[in-house]
């Protein structure tokens, strides 16, 4: 399977794309915080979406670390805090 590209998942202004898994506690926490603050997001499950695990590994030095977030400008963050997300979207 081909590796997905960041451009395939770059979100609209004011929102983020979050690579996640169903079992990730850190992902659940970030999702809850985004919900509480009204920040829009799209969840991409790396265990169910072909090529995305390889993309996350390419971002994180070979490790499939989630949550990995893509911002509208194409930059990424691994396990960002809510404050990190707010600053990146400002």
Protein backbone atom coordinates (compact mmCIF):
# COMPACT_ATOMS: atom_id res chain seq x y z
CA UNK A 1 0.00 0.00 0.00
CA UNK A 2 1.26 3.46 -0.85
CA UNK A 3 1.98 5.85 1.96
CA UNK A 4 -0.60 8.61 2.26
CA UNK A 5 0.64 12.18 1.94
CA UNK A 6 0.15 15.08 4.34
CA UNK A 7 -1.56 17.01 1.55
CA UNK A 8 -4.22 14.26 1.41
CA UNK A 9 -5.28 15.15 4.96
CA UNK A 10 -4.57 18.89 5.31
CA UNK A 11 -7.64 20.36 7.03
CA UNK A 12 -9.59 23.54 6.44
CA UNK A 13 -8.62 26.71 8.30
CA UNK A 14 -9.56 26.59 11.98
CA UNK A 15 -9.66 22.79 12.14
CA UNK A 16 -7.21 19.91 12.49
CA UNK A 17 -6.82 16.37 11.26
CA UNK A 18 -6.01 13.92 14.04
CA UNK A 19 -4.52 10.52 13.32
CA UNK A 20 -5.73 8.15 16.00
CA UNK A 21 -6.67 4.61 16.99
CA UNK A 22 -9.79 3.43 18.80
CA UNK A 23 -7.81 2.37 21.88
CA UNK A 24 -5.58 5.46 22.32
CA UNK A 25 -6.26 7.21 25.61
CA UNK A 26 -4.27 10.31 24.62
CA UNK A 27 -6.39 10.56 21.46
CA UNK A 28 -9.60 10.33 23.45
CA UNK A 29 -8.38 13.05 25.81
CA UNK A 30 -7.45 15.41 22.96
CA UNK A 31 -10.78 14.75 21.22
CA UNK A 32 -12.65 15.59 24.44
CA UNK A 33 -10.70 18.84 24.85
CA UNK A 34 -11.32 19.82 21.22
CA UNK A 35 -15.03 19.09 21.67
CA UNK A 36 -15.18 21.26 24.81
CA UNK A 37 -13.51 24.20 23.10
CA UNK A 38 -15.36 23.91 19.79
CA UNK A 39 -12.29 23.29 17.64
CA UNK A 40 -13.26 21.27 14.59
CA UNK A 41 -11.38 18.11 13.70
CA UNK A 42 -11.40 15.06 11.50
CA UNK A 43 -10.35 11.72 12.97
CA UNK A 44 -8.38 9.32 10.79
CA UNK A 45 -7.94 5.84 12.29
CA UNK A 46 -4.49 4.65 11.23
CA UNK A 47 -5.50 1.03 11.76
CA UNK A 48 -8.39 1.32 9.29
CA UNK A 49 -7.26 3.88 6.71
CA UNK A 50 -4.75 2.44 4.24
CA UNK A 51 -1.39 4.19 4.04
CA UNK A 52 -1.92 6.40 7.08
CA UNK A 53 0.11 4.33 9.53
CA UNK A 54 3.10 4.72 7.20
CA UNK A 55 2.44 8.46 6.99
CA UNK A 56 2.38 8.77 10.77
CA UNK A 57 5.60 6.74 10.97
CA UNK A 58 7.25 9.05 8.42
CA UNK A 59 6.30 12.07 10.56
CA UNK A 60 7.47 10.46 13.82
CA UNK A 61 10.85 8.95 13.01
CA UNK A 62 9.50 5.49 12.21
CA UNK A 63 7.06 5.26 15.12
CA UNK A 64 3.28 5.02 14.77
CA UNK A 65 2.64 7.58 17.52
CA UNK A 66 -0.88 8.89 17.98
CA UNK A 67 -2.36 11.38 18.29
CA UNK A 68 -0.52 13.02 15.44
CA UNK A 69 -2.17 16.21 14.26
CA UNK A 70 -1.99 18.03 10.94
CA UNK A 71 -2.71 21.76 10.93
CA UNK A 72 -4.14 23.77 8.01
CA UNK A 73 -0.66 25.04 7.07
CA UNK A 74 0.55 21.44 6.67
CA UNK A 75 2.66 21.37 9.82
CA UNK A 76 2.29 18.48 12.26
CA UNK A 77 2.43 17.85 15.99
CA UNK A 78 2.63 14.67 17.99
CA UNK A 79 0.50 14.44 21.14
CA UNK A 80 -0.06 18.22 21.28
CA UNK A 81 -1.67 19.91 24.24
CA UNK A 82 -4.87 21.87 23.74
CA UNK A 83 -2.83 25.05 24.12
CA UNK A 84 -0.46 23.88 21.36
CA UNK A 85 -3.45 23.35 19.06
CA UNK A 86 -4.93 26.75 19.90
CA UNK A 87 -1.60 28.48 19.22
CA UNK A 88 -1.12 26.69 15.91
CA UNK A 89 -4.61 27.68 14.77
CA UNK A 90 -4.30 31.33 15.89
